[in-house]
Amino acid sequence: MSELAIEAAGLGRDFGTFRAVADVSFTVEAGEIFGYLGANGAGKSTTIRILCGLLAPSRGTARVAGFDVGRAPEAVKSAIGYMSQKFSLYLDLPVQENLDFFGGAYGLSGRALASRAAEVVELCGLGDLGGRITGTLSGGVRQRLALACAILHRPRVLFLDEPTACVDPQARRLFWRVIRQLAGEGTTIFVTTHYLDEAEYCRRIGLMAAGRLIALDTPAALKRTYVPGRIYLARGRELGPAAAVLRGQPGVTAVEPFGAGLHLQVDPALWDKVRLAAALAAAGGREVSIEAGEPSLEDVFLAALGQAEKAA
């Protein structure tokens, strides 16, 4: 049986009468990249703060790196790395001084600190930026520096709260290359993101809505569960009014805008490309073309959220 890096059982947190996290239970294996997804206010950051020992749970229990977050929060903090949504390094310090400061905070010094700082600079692609003032760096480089500071002490578990928010695609690719390398070396990664294409890199994904964990599985299994049937992409003109006609037809599970086109989820026993094109054209669509598509995690998220709202 694999070692568990994170265990949460009935975890909850209230702020007055507001229930931010409600009875959340899950486990994360050592070395796993675990994605935690949800809309703003779903409870993702609150869960992370509890697991990092920064916020006491109102209910339930959690263990991180073998330590109880309620009884031994300081031990948890020493075993983890944490990168928050908000950039938290010192903007007026050079890159190297930020590394030295956070390395010292984690108990590193002398040659050990210098050696490890050189390693994370290389790993995170910071090159010869040691003398640059942190506040002059681009957003993507700042995020890589924040990651470097978070992994200086070789944490067993690394928490990343929307680490690629507001950075360019190239910086996102580099960031995830580093994350995959860390996981390959045995570090457990717990990451939140609003970029659902990034979540495909995760071994498993938990979906949060209104403080509750509404789905948990691998990306492929979630797609099979929440997006049955066939996916088609429709392109053309005047598709908005035509989509309204298609919605509610037998065998049509979902009709969603997709750029200038439509994302269609249908029962393959009742619909194929020819029939869909004909139905959209008959309803006023012009220059309609249909091509087969693949379900995405966006489809999963919308379907799971819709089911949760109906159940509520």
C-alpha atoms as a PDB file:
ATOM      1  CA  MET A   1       0.000   0.000   0.000  1.00  0.00           C
ATOM      2  CA  SER A   2       1.329   3.457  -0.920  1.00  0.00           C
ATOM      3  CA  GLU A   3       2.296   5.888   1.799  1.00  0.00           C
ATOM      4  CA  LEU A   4      -0.264   8.626   2.391  1.00  0.00           C
ATOM      5  CA  ALA A   5       1.104  12.163   2.430  1.00  0.00           C
ATOM      6  CA  ILE A   6      -2.257  13.830   3.174  1.00  0.00           C
ATOM      7  CA  GLU A   7      -5.308  12.449   4.975  1.00  0.00           C
ATOM      8  CA  ALA A   8      -8.455  14.494   5.538  1.00  0.00           C
ATOM      9  CA  ALA A   9     -11.545  13.084   7.274  1.00  0.00           C
ATOM     10  CA  GLY A  10     -14.738  15.091   7.716  1.00  0.00           C
ATOM     11  CA  LEU A  11     -12.745  18.308   7.509  1.00  0.00           C
ATOM     12  CA  GLY A  12     -14.731  21.504   8.001  1.00  0.00           C
ATOM     13  CA  ARG A  13     -14.242  25.186   8.733  1.00  0.00           C
ATOM     14  CA  ASP A  14     -16.797  27.827   9.682  1.00  0.00           C
ATOM     15  CA  PHE A  15     -16.424  31.596   9.810  1.00  0.00           C
ATOM     16  CA  GLY A  16     -19.285  32.653  12.046  1.00  0.00           C
ATOM     17  CA  THR A  17     -22.414  31.338  10.357  1.00  0.00           C
ATOM     18  CA  PHE A  18     -20.664  30.868   7.009  1.00  0.00           C
ATOM     19  CA  ARG A  19     -19.533  27.303   6.270  1.00  0.00           C
ATOM     20  CA  ALA A  20     -16.446  27.647   4.049  1.00  0.00           C
ATOM     21  CA  VAL A  21     -15.511  23.944   4.054  1.00  0.00           C
ATOM     22  CA  ALA A  22     -18.054  21.215   4.804  1.00  0.00           C
ATOM     23  CA  ASP A  23     -17.122  17.633   5.717  1.00  0.00           C
ATOM     24  CA  VAL A  24     -14.357  17.134   3.162  1.00  0.00           C
ATOM     25  CA  SER A  25     -12.612  13.736   3.100  1.00  0.00           C
ATOM     26  CA  PHE A  26      -9.803  12.554   0.803  1.00  0.00           C
ATOM     27  CA  THR A  27      -6.275  11.126   0.792  1.00  0.00           C
ATOM     28  CA  VAL A  28      -3.216  11.965  -1.313  1.00  0.00           C
ATOM     29  CA  GLU A  29      -0.406   9.493  -1.884  1.00  0.00           C
ATOM     30  CA  ALA A  30       3.258  10.371  -1.531  1.00  0.00           C
ATOM     31  CA  GLY A  31       4.660  11.647  -4.833  1.00  0.00           C
ATOM     32  CA  GLU A  32       1.211  12.299  -6.307  1.00  0.00           C
ATOM     33  CA  ILE A  33       0.216  15.469  -8.167  1.00  0.00           C
ATOM     34  CA  PHE A  34      -3.239  16.162  -6.770  1.00  0.00           C
ATOM     35  CA  GLY A  35      -5.420  18.870  -8.311  1.00  0.00           C
ATOM     36  CA  TYR A  36      -8.018  20.752  -6.275  1.00  0.00           C
ATOM     37  CA  LEU A  37     -10.406  22.655  -8.527  1.00  0.00           C
ATOM     38  CA  GLY A  38     -13.380  24.917  -8.030  1.00  0.00           C
ATOM     39  CA  ALA A  39     -14.755  28.387  -8.597  1.00  0.00           C
ATOM     40  CA  ASN A  40     -13.705  31.359  -6.479  1.00  0.00           C
ATOM     41  CA  GLY A  41     -15.139  30.936  -2.995  1.00  0.00           C
ATOM     42  CA  ALA A  42     -15.528  27.164  -3.331  1.00  0.00           C
ATOM     43  CA  GLY A  43     -13.302  26.505  -0.301  1.00  0.00           C
ATOM     44  CA  LYS A  44     -10.012  25.599  -1.982  1.00  0.00           C
ATOM     45  CA  SER A  45      -7.759  28.128  -0.271  1.00  0.00           C
ATOM     46  CA  THR A  46      -9.416  27.547   3.105  1.00  0.00           C
ATOM     47  CA  THR A  47      -8.721  23.820   2.769  1.00  0.00           C
ATOM     48  CA  ILE A  48      -5.075  24.529   1.948  1.00  0.00           C
ATOM     49  CA  ARG A  49      -4.682  26.860   4.918  1.00  0.00           C
ATOM     50  CA  ILE A  50      -6.053  24.147   7.214  1.00  0.00           C
ATOM     51  CA  LEU A  51      -3.732  21.517   5.746  1.00  0.00           C
ATOM     52  CA  CYS A  52      -0.751  23.863   6.108  1.00  0.00           C
ATOM     53  CA  GLY A  53      -1.418  24.362   9.817  1.00  0.00           C
ATOM     54  CA  LEU A  54      -2.302  28.018   9.296  1.00  0.00           C
ATOM     55  CA  LEU A  55      -5.976  27.677  10.208  1.00  0.00           C
ATOM     56  CA  ALA A  56      -7.540  25.381  12.787  1.00  0.00           C
ATOM     57  CA  PRO A  57     -10.368  23.176  11.500  1.00  0.00           C
ATOM     58  CA  SER A  58     -13.814  23.626  13.010  1.00  0.00           C
ATOM     59  CA  ARG A  59     -14.537  19.911  12.537  1.00  0.00           C
ATOM     60  CA  GLY A  60     -12.826  16.758  11.420  1.00  0.00           C
ATOM     61  CA  THR A  61      -9.172  15.785  11.305  1.00  0.00           C
ATOM     62  CA  ALA A  62      -6.280  15.985   8.881  1.00  0.00           C
ATOM     63  CA  ARG A  63      -2.743  14.646   8.780  1.00  0.00           C
ATOM     64  CA  VAL A  64      -0.022  16.021   6.539  1.00  0.00           C
ATOM     65  CA  ALA A  65       3.385  14.330   6.233  1.00  0.00           C
ATOM     66  CA  GLY A  66       2.378  12.211   9.218  1.00  0.00           C
ATOM     67  CA  PHE A  67       1.521  15.141  11.521  1.00  0.00           C
ATOM     68  CA  ASP A  68      -1.917  16.103  12.835  1.00  0.00           C
ATOM     69  CA  VAL A  69      -2.687  19.626  11.610  1.00  0.00           C
ATOM     70  CA  GLY A  70      -4.696  20.448  14.727  1.00  0.00           C
ATOM     71  CA  ARG A  71      -2.295  19.067  17.322  1.00  0.00           C
ATOM     72  CA  ALA A  72       1.080  19.675  15.671  1.00  0.00           C
ATOM     73  CA  PRO A  73       0.751  22.628  13.272  1.00  0.00           C
ATOM     74  CA  GLU A  74       4.395  23.682  13.699  1.00  0.00           C
ATOM     75  CA  ALA A  75       5.599  20.200  12.738  1.00  0.00           C
ATOM     76  CA  VAL A  76       3.364  20.364   9.665  1.00  0.00           C
ATOM     77  CA  LYS A  77       4.836  23.734   8.672  1.00  0.00           C
ATOM     78  CA  SER A  78       8.393  22.396   8.888  1.00  0.00           C
ATOM     79  CA  ALA A  79       7.557  19.472   6.582  1.00  0.00           C
ATOM     80  CA  ILE A  80       5.783  21.393   3.821  1.00  0.00           C
ATOM     81  CA  GLY A  81       6.349  24.094   1.255  1.00  0.00           C
ATOM     82  CA  TYR A  82       3.604  26.619   0.596  1.00  0.00           C
ATOM     83  CA  MET A  83       3.138  29.069  -2.264  1.00  0.00           C
ATOM     84  CA  SER A  84       0.109  31.292  -1.736  1.00  0.00           C
ATOM     85  CA  GLN A  85      -2.095  33.026  -4.285  1.00  0.00           C
ATOM     86  CA  LYS A  86      -0.614  36.393  -3.352  1.00  0.00           C
ATOM     87  CA  PHE A  87       3.074  36.934  -4.062  1.00  0.00           C
ATOM     88  CA  SER A  88       4.661  36.922  -0.608  1.00  0.00           C
ATOM     89  CA  LEU A  89       8.376  37.542  -1.152  1.00  0.00           C
ATOM     90  CA  TYR A  90      10.143  40.829  -0.455  1.00  0.00           C
ATOM     91  CA  LEU A  91       9.925  43.007  -3.563  1.00  0.00           C
ATOM     92  CA  ASP A  92      12.693  45.370  -2.434  1.00  0.00           C
ATOM     93  CA  LEU A  93      15.275  42.598  -1.952  1.00  0.00           C
ATOM     94  CA  PRO A  94      17.465  41.057  -4.660  1.00  0.00           C
ATOM     95  CA  VAL A  95      16.605  37.513  -5.747  1.00  0.00           C
ATOM     96  CA  GLN A  96      19.553  35.998  -3.870  1.00  0.00           C
ATOM     97  CA  GLU A  97      18.656  37.750  -0.619  1.00  0.00           C
ATOM     98  CA  ASN A  98      15.109  36.402  -0.809  1.00  0.00           C
ATOM     99  CA  LEU A  99      16.553  32.909  -1.232  1.00  0.00           C
ATOM    100  CA  ASP A 100      18.938  33.442   1.675  1.00  0.00           C
ATOM    101  CA  PHE A 101      16.178  34.793   3.922  1.00  0.00           C
ATOM    102  CA  PHE A 102      13.729  31.953   3.304  1.00  0.00           C
ATOM    103  CA  GLY A 103      16.466  29.352   3.428  1.00  0.00           C
ATOM    104  CA  GLY A 104      17.458  30.684   6.831  1.00  0.00           C
ATOM    105  CA  ALA A 105      13.837  30.597   7.962  1.00  0.00           C
ATOM    106  CA  TYR A 106      13.820  26.876   7.159  1.00  0.00           C
ATOM    107  CA  GLY A 107      17.024  26.291   9.113  1.00  0.00           C
ATOM    108  CA  LEU A 108      19.518  26.261   6.241  1.00  0.00           C
ATOM    109  CA  SER A 109      22.812  28.128   6.477  1.00  0.00           C
ATOM    110  CA  GLY A 110      26.373  28.262   5.208  1.00  0.00           C
ATOM    111  CA  ARG A 111      27.429  25.857   2.482  1.00  0.00           C
ATOM    112  CA  ALA A 112      24.223  23.833   2.725  1.00  0.00           C
ATOM    113  CA  LEU A 113      22.143  26.920   1.948  1.00  0.00           C
ATOM    114  CA  ALA A 114      24.454  28.087  -0.851  1.00  0.00           C
ATOM    115  CA  SER A 115      24.446  24.650  -2.459  1.00  0.00           C
ATOM    116  CA  ARG A 116      20.687  24.186  -2.246  1.00  0.00           C
ATOM    117  CA  ALA A 117      20.006  27.746  -3.459  1.00  0.00           C
ATOM    118  CA  ALA A 118      22.152  27.065  -6.522  1.00  0.00           C
ATOM    119  CA  GLU A 119      20.156  23.877  -7.175  1.00  0.00           C
ATOM    120  CA  VAL A 120      16.742  25.560  -7.042  1.00  0.00           C
ATOM    121  CA  VAL A 121      17.968  28.497  -9.142  1.00  0.00           C
ATOM    122  CA  GLU A 122      18.957  26.005 -11.833  1.00  0.00           C
ATOM    123  CA  LEU A 123      15.768  23.969 -11.456  1.00  0.00           C
ATOM    124  CA  CYS A 124      13.466  26.995 -11.667  1.00  0.00           C
ATOM    125  CA  GLY A 125      15.313  28.653 -14.554  1.00  0.00           C
ATOM    126  CA  LEU A 126      16.391  31.753 -12.636  1.00  0.00           C
ATOM    127  CA  GLY A 127      19.843  31.808 -14.259  1.00  0.00           C
ATOM    128  CA  ASP A 128      21.967  34.814 -13.345  1.00  0.00           C
ATOM    129  CA  LEU A 129      19.145  36.859 -11.797  1.00  0.00           C
ATOM    130  CA  GLY A 130      20.589  36.697  -8.274  1.00  0.00           C
ATOM    131  CA  GLY A 131      21.400  40.405  -8.168  1.00  0.00           C
ATOM    132  CA  ARG A 132      18.125  41.618  -9.678  1.00  0.00           C
ATOM    133  CA  ILE A 133      15.653  43.408  -7.405  1.00  0.00           C
ATOM    134  CA  THR A 134      12.650  41.119  -7.078  1.00  0.00           C
ATOM    135  CA  GLY A 135      10.144  43.900  -7.743  1.00  0.00           C
ATOM    136  CA  THR A 136      11.594  44.464 -11.227  1.00  0.00           C
ATOM    137  CA  LEU A 137      10.967  40.881 -12.353  1.00  0.00           C
ATOM    138  CA  SER A 138       8.084  39.844 -14.601  1.00  0.00           C
ATOM    139  CA  GLY A 139       5.128  38.004 -13.090  1.00  0.00           C
ATOM    140  CA  GLY A 140       6.222  34.641 -14.437  1.00  0.00           C
ATOM    141  CA  VAL A 141       9.777  34.995 -13.082  1.00  0.00           C
ATOM    142  CA  ARG A 142       8.468  36.114  -9.685  1.00  0.00           C
ATOM    143  CA  GLN A 143       6.338  32.979  -9.512  1.00  0.00           C
ATOM    144  CA  ARG A 144       9.357  30.818 -10.310  1.00  0.00           C
ATOM    145  CA  LEU A 145      11.281  32.579  -7.550  1.00  0.00           C
ATOM    146  CA  ALA A 146       8.418  31.978  -5.107  1.00  0.00           C
ATOM    147  CA  LEU A 147       8.501  28.293  -6.058  1.00  0.00           C
ATOM    148  CA  ALA A 148      12.265  28.182  -5.560  1.00  0.00           C
ATOM    149  CA  CYS A 149      11.894  29.644  -2.062  1.00  0.00           C
ATOM    150  CA  ALA A 150       9.122  27.151  -1.230  1.00  0.00           C
ATOM    151  CA  ILE A 151      11.252  24.108  -2.107  1.00  0.00           C
ATOM    152  CA  LEU A 152      14.584  25.193  -0.625  1.00  0.00           C
ATOM    153  CA  HIS A 153      14.238  22.869   2.361  1.00  0.00           C
ATOM    154  CA  ARG A 154      13.138  19.870   0.241  1.00  0.00           C
ATOM    155  CA  PRO A 155       9.589  19.683   1.650  1.00  0.00           C
ATOM    156  CA  ARG A 156       7.793  16.353   1.659  1.00  0.00           C
ATOM    157  CA  VAL A 157       4.535  18.043   0.595  1.00  0.00           C
ATOM    158  CA  LEU A 158       4.273  21.165  -1.564  1.00  0.00           C
ATOM    159  CA  PHE A 159       1.076  23.258  -1.578  1.00  0.00           C
ATOM    160  CA  LEU A 160       0.604  25.516  -4.607  1.00  0.00           C
ATOM    161  CA  ASP A 161      -2.406  27.840  -4.528  1.00  0.00           C
ATOM    162  CA  GLU A 162      -3.045  28.992  -8.121  1.00  0.00           C
ATOM    163  CA  PRO A 163       0.681  29.209  -8.881  1.00  0.00           C
ATOM    164  CA  THR A 164       0.294  30.127 -12.565  1.00  0.00           C
ATOM    165  CA  ALA A 165      -2.363  32.820 -12.213  1.00  0.00           C
ATOM    166  CA  CYS A 166      -1.652  35.811 -14.469  1.00  0.00           C
ATOM    167  CA  VAL A 167       1.478  34.358 -16.090  1.00  0.00           C
ATOM    168  CA  ASP A 168       2.063  33.749 -19.792  1.00  0.00           C
ATOM    169  CA  PRO A 169       1.724  30.305 -21.454  1.00  0.00           C
ATOM    170  CA  GLN A 170       5.490  29.825 -21.761  1.00  0.00           C
ATOM    171  CA  ALA A 171       5.953  30.483 -18.048  1.00  0.00           C
ATOM    172  CA  ARG A 172       3.109  28.063 -17.272  1.00  0.00           C
ATOM    173  CA  ARG A 173       4.778  25.284 -19.271  1.00  0.00           C
ATOM    174  CA  LEU A 174       8.092  25.804 -17.465  1.00  0.00           C
ATOM    175  CA  PHE A 175       6.331  25.864 -14.112  1.00  0.00           C
ATOM    176  CA  TRP A 176       4.610  22.541 -14.759  1.00  0.00           C
ATOM    177  CA  ARG A 177       7.834  20.996 -16.005  1.00  0.00           C
ATOM    178  CA  VAL A 178       9.338  21.804 -12.603  1.00  0.00           C
ATOM    179  CA  ILE A 179       6.269  20.436 -10.799  1.00  0.00           C
ATOM    180  CA  ARG A 180       6.469  17.141 -12.682  1.00  0.00           C
ATOM    181  CA  GLN A 181      10.172  16.837 -11.921  1.00  0.00           C
ATOM    182  CA  LEU A 182       9.569  17.439  -8.204  1.00  0.00           C
ATOM    183  CA  ALA A 183       6.829  14.805  -8.148  1.00  0.00           C
ATOM    184  CA  GLY A 184       9.133  12.383  -9.947  1.00  0.00           C
ATOM    185  CA  GLU A 185      11.639  12.875  -7.137  1.00  0.00           C
ATOM    186  CA  GLY A 186       9.003  11.985  -4.535  1.00  0.00           C
ATOM    187  CA  THR A 187       7.556  15.355  -3.511  1.00  0.00           C
ATOM    188  CA  THR A 188       3.778  15.337  -3.078  1.00  0.00           C
ATOM    189  CA  ILE A 189       2.131  18.223  -4.950  1.00  0.00           C
ATOM    190  CA  PHE A 190      -1.244  19.669  -3.911  1.00  0.00           C
ATOM    191  CA  VAL A 191      -2.208  22.319  -6.449  1.00  0.00           C
ATOM    192  CA  THR A 192      -5.189  24.548  -7.183  1.00  0.00           C
ATOM    193  CA  THR A 193      -5.676  26.134 -10.579  1.00  0.00           C
ATOM    194  CA  HIS A 194      -8.343  27.788 -12.700  1.00  0.00           C
ATOM    195  CA  TYR A 195      -6.633  26.564 -15.878  1.00  0.00           C
ATOM    196  CA  LEU A 196      -8.402  23.270 -16.520  1.00  0.00           C
ATOM    197  CA  ASP A 197      -5.906  22.258 -19.204  1.00  0.00           C
ATOM    198  CA  GLU A 198      -3.243  22.290 -16.470  1.00  0.00           C
ATOM    199  CA  ALA A 199      -5.320  19.948 -14.348  1.00  0.00           C
ATOM    200  CA  GLU A 200      -4.776  17.249 -16.973  1.00  0.00           C
ATOM    201  CA  TYR A 201      -1.246  16.914 -15.524  1.00  0.00           C
ATOM    202  CA  CYS A 202      -2.691  15.800 -12.184  1.00  0.00           C
ATOM    203  CA  ARG A 203      -2.963  12.114 -11.312  1.00  0.00           C
ATOM    204  CA  ARG A 204      -6.277  12.766  -9.550  1.00  0.00           C
ATOM    205  CA  ILE A 205      -8.581  15.743  -9.224  1.00  0.00           C
ATOM    206  CA  GLY A 206     -10.979  16.867  -6.533  1.00  0.00           C
ATOM    207  CA  LEU A 207     -13.797  19.224  -7.548  1.00  0.00           C
ATOM    208  CA  MET A 208     -15.057  21.677  -4.930  1.00  0.00           C
ATOM    209  CA  ALA A 209     -18.371  23.558  -4.959  1.00  0.00           C
ATOM    210  CA  ALA A 210     -19.843  25.621  -2.109  1.00  0.00           C
ATOM    211  CA  GLY A 211     -17.387  24.135   0.383  1.00  0.00           C
ATOM    212  CA  ARG A 212     -18.074  20.526  -0.550  1.00  0.00           C
ATOM    213  CA  LEU A 213     -16.012  17.978  -2.439  1.00  0.00           C
ATOM    214  CA  ILE A 214     -18.437  16.947  -5.185  1.00  0.00           C
ATOM    215  CA  ALA A 215     -16.178  14.681  -7.266  1.00  0.00           C
ATOM    216  CA  LEU A 216     -12.819  12.942  -6.907  1.00  0.00           C
ATOM    217  CA  ASP A 217     -11.051  10.691  -9.426  1.00  0.00           C
ATOM    218  CA  THR A 218      -8.545  10.621 -12.265  1.00  0.00           C
ATOM    219  CA  PRO A 219      -9.188  12.994 -15.187  1.00  0.00           C
ATOM    220  CA  ALA A 220     -10.062  10.069 -17.471  1.00  0.00           C
ATOM    221  CA  ALA A 221     -12.475   8.515 -14.972  1.00  0.00           C
ATOM    222  CA  LEU A 222     -14.182  11.845 -14.303  1.00  0.00           C
ATOM    223  CA  LYS A 223     -14.750  12.298 -18.026  1.00  0.00           C
ATOM    224  CA  ARG A 224     -16.282   8.836 -18.325  1.00  0.00           C
ATOM    225  CA  THR A 225     -18.549   9.493 -15.345  1.00  0.00           C
ATOM    226  CA  TYR A 226     -19.717  13.035 -16.057  1.00  0.00           C
ATOM    227  CA  VAL A 227     -19.473  13.277 -19.835  1.00  0.00           C
ATOM    228  CA  PRO A 228     -21.024  10.102 -21.243  1.00  0.00           C
ATOM    229  CA  GLY A 229     -22.027   9.948 -24.879  1.00  0.00           C
ATOM    230  CA  ARG A 230     -20.296  11.740 -27.746  1.00  0.00           C
ATOM    231  CA  ILE A 231     -18.854  15.260 -28.027  1.00  0.00           C
ATOM    232  CA  TYR A 232     -19.115  17.321 -31.210  1.00  0.00           C
ATOM    233  CA  LEU A 233     -17.917  20.823 -32.083  1.00  0.00           C
ATOM    234  CA  ALA A 234     -20.235  22.889 -34.264  1.00  0.00           C
ATOM    235  CA  ARG A 235     -19.017  25.898 -36.233  1.00  0.00           C
ATOM    236  CA  GLY A 236     -20.849  28.301 -38.444  1.00  0.00           C
ATOM    237  CA  ARG A 237     -22.960  31.469 -38.355  1.00  0.00           C
ATOM    238  CA  GLU A 238     -26.200  32.264 -36.562  1.00  0.00           C
ATOM    239  CA  LEU A 239     -25.652  29.341 -34.204  1.00  0.00           C
ATOM    240  CA  GLY A 240     -27.015  31.087 -31.095  1.00  0.00           C
ATOM    241  CA  PRO A 241     -30.710  30.920 -32.040  1.00  0.00           C
ATOM    242  CA  ALA A 242     -30.195  27.455 -33.525  1.00  0.00           C
ATOM    243  CA  ALA A 243     -28.667  26.231 -30.257  1.00  0.00           C
ATOM    244  CA  ALA A 244     -31.803  27.217 -28.384  1.00  0.00           C
ATOM    245  CA  VAL A 245     -33.820  24.913 -30.647  1.00  0.00           C
ATOM    246  CA  LEU A 246     -31.412  22.023 -30.187  1.00  0.00           C
ATOM    247  CA  ARG A 247     -31.464  22.220 -26.386  1.00  0.00           C
ATOM    248  CA  GLY A 248     -34.015  19.915 -24.875  1.00  0.00           C
ATOM    249  CA  GLN A 249     -34.160  17.583 -27.864  1.00  0.00           C
ATOM    250  CA  PRO A 250     -34.121  13.861 -26.941  1.00  0.00           C
ATOM    251  CA  GLY A 251     -30.546  12.600 -26.727  1.00  0.00           C
ATOM    252  CA  VAL A 252     -29.009  16.087 -26.456  1.00  0.00           C
ATOM    253  CA  THR A 253     -27.313  16.274 -23.059  1.00  0.00           C
ATOM    254  CA  ALA A 254     -25.607  19.672 -23.313  1.00  0.00           C
ATOM    255  CA  VAL A 255     -25.284  22.590 -25.725  1.00  0.00           C
ATOM    256  CA  GLU A 256     -22.667  25.127 -24.612  1.00  0.00           C
ATOM    257  CA  PRO A 257     -21.001  28.107 -26.342  1.00  0.00           C
ATOM    258  CA  PHE A 258     -17.446  27.271 -27.403  1.00  0.00           C
ATOM    259  CA  GLY A 259     -15.731  30.359 -28.802  1.00  0.00           C
ATOM    260  CA  ALA A 260     -17.750  31.313 -31.866  1.00  0.00           C
ATOM    261  CA  GLY A 261     -19.151  27.802 -32.098  1.00  0.00           C
ATOM    262  CA  LEU A 262     -20.974  25.253 -29.965  1.00  0.00           C
ATOM    263  CA  HIS A 263     -19.884  22.334 -27.815  1.00  0.00           C
ATOM    264  CA  LEU A 264     -22.471  19.554 -28.126  1.00  0.00           C
ATOM    265  CA  GLN A 265     -22.850  16.458 -25.936  1.00  0.00           C
ATOM    266  CA  VAL A 266     -25.210  13.888 -27.406  1.00  0.00           C
ATOM    267  CA  ASP A 267     -26.325  10.271 -27.295  1.00  0.00           C
ATOM    268  CA  PRO A 268     -24.522   8.600 -30.235  1.00  0.00           C
ATOM    269  CA  ALA A 269     -27.463   6.238 -30.714  1.00  0.00           C
ATOM    270  CA  LEU A 270     -29.649   9.216 -31.667  1.00  0.00           C
ATOM    271  CA  TRP A 271     -27.283  11.812 -33.131  1.00  0.00           C
ATOM    272  CA  ASP A 272     -24.377  11.875 -35.568  1.00  0.00           C
ATOM    273  CA  LYS A 273     -22.610  14.660 -37.482  1.00  0.00           C
ATOM    274  CA  VAL A 274     -25.066  14.625 -40.374  1.00  0.00           C
ATOM    275  CA  ARG A 275     -28.181  14.852 -38.204  1.00  0.00           C
ATOM    276  CA  LEU A 276     -26.673  17.572 -35.996  1.00  0.00           C
ATOM    277  CA  ALA A 277     -25.696  19.682 -39.003  1.00  0.00           C
ATOM    278  CA  ALA A 278     -29.157  19.274 -40.487  1.00  0.00           C
ATOM    279  CA  ALA A 279     -30.879  20.210 -37.200  1.00  0.00           C
ATOM    280  CA  LEU A 280     -28.784  23.351 -36.754  1.00  0.00           C
ATOM    281  CA  ALA A 281     -29.292  24.383 -40.377  1.00  0.00           C
ATOM    282  CA  ALA A 282     -33.050  23.849 -40.097  1.00  0.00           C
ATOM    283  CA  ALA A 283     -33.102  26.056 -37.014  1.00  0.00           C
ATOM    284  CA  GLY A 284     -31.392  28.942 -38.812  1.00  0.00           C
ATOM    285  CA  GLY A 285     -27.704  28.092 -38.592  1.00  0.00           C
ATOM    286  CA  ARG A 286     -25.637  29.019 -41.641  1.00  0.00           C
ATOM    287  CA  GLU A 287     -22.460  27.479 -43.070  1.00  0.00           C
ATOM    288  CA  VAL A 288     -22.664  24.789 -40.387  1.00  0.00           C
ATOM    289  CA  SER A 289     -19.828  22.287 -39.998  1.00  0.00           C
ATOM    290  CA  ILE A 290     -19.568  19.540 -37.376  1.00  0.00           C
ATOM    291  CA  GLU A 291     -16.470  17.721 -36.168  1.00  0.00           C
ATOM    292  CA  ALA A 292     -15.901  15.122 -33.481  1.00  0.00           C
ATOM    293  CA  GLY A 293     -14.398  16.356 -30.220  1.00  0.00           C
ATOM    294  CA  GLU A 294     -13.075  15.010 -26.944  1.00  0.00           C
ATOM    295  CA  PRO A 295     -14.539  15.703 -23.503  1.00  0.00           C
ATOM    296  CA  SER A 296     -12.591  18.235 -21.464  1.00  0.00           C
ATOM    297  CA  LEU A 297     -12.320  18.893 -17.755  1.00  0.00           C
ATOM    298  CA  GLU A 298     -14.401  21.993 -18.371  1.00  0.00           C
ATOM    299  CA  ASP A 299     -17.217  19.671 -19.477  1.00  0.00           C
ATOM    300  CA  VAL A 300     -16.660  17.614 -16.326  1.00  0.00           C
ATOM    301  CA  PHE A 301     -16.708  20.666 -14.078  1.00  0.00           C
ATOM    302  CA  LEU A 302     -19.915  22.054 -15.569  1.00  0.00           C
ATOM    303  CA  ALA A 303     -21.654  18.659 -15.431  1.00  0.00           C
ATOM    304  CA  ALA A 304     -20.560  17.944 -11.861  1.00  0.00           C
ATOM    305  CA  LEU A 305     -21.558  21.420 -10.728  1.00  0.00           C
ATOM    306  CA  GLY A 306     -24.936  21.067 -12.420  1.00  0.00           C
ATOM    307  CA  GLN A 307     -25.564  17.750 -10.670  1.00  0.00           C
ATOM    308  CA  ALA A 308     -24.535  19.224  -7.311  1.00  0.00           C
ATOM    309  CA  GLU A 309     -26.857  22.199  -7.759  1.00  0.00           C
ATOM    310  CA  LYS A 310     -29.774  19.905  -8.646  1.00  0.00           C
ATOM    311  CA  ALA A 311     -29.068  17.747  -5.594  1.00  0.00           C
ATOM    312  CA  ALA A 312     -28.947  20.835  -3.380  1.00  0.00           C
END
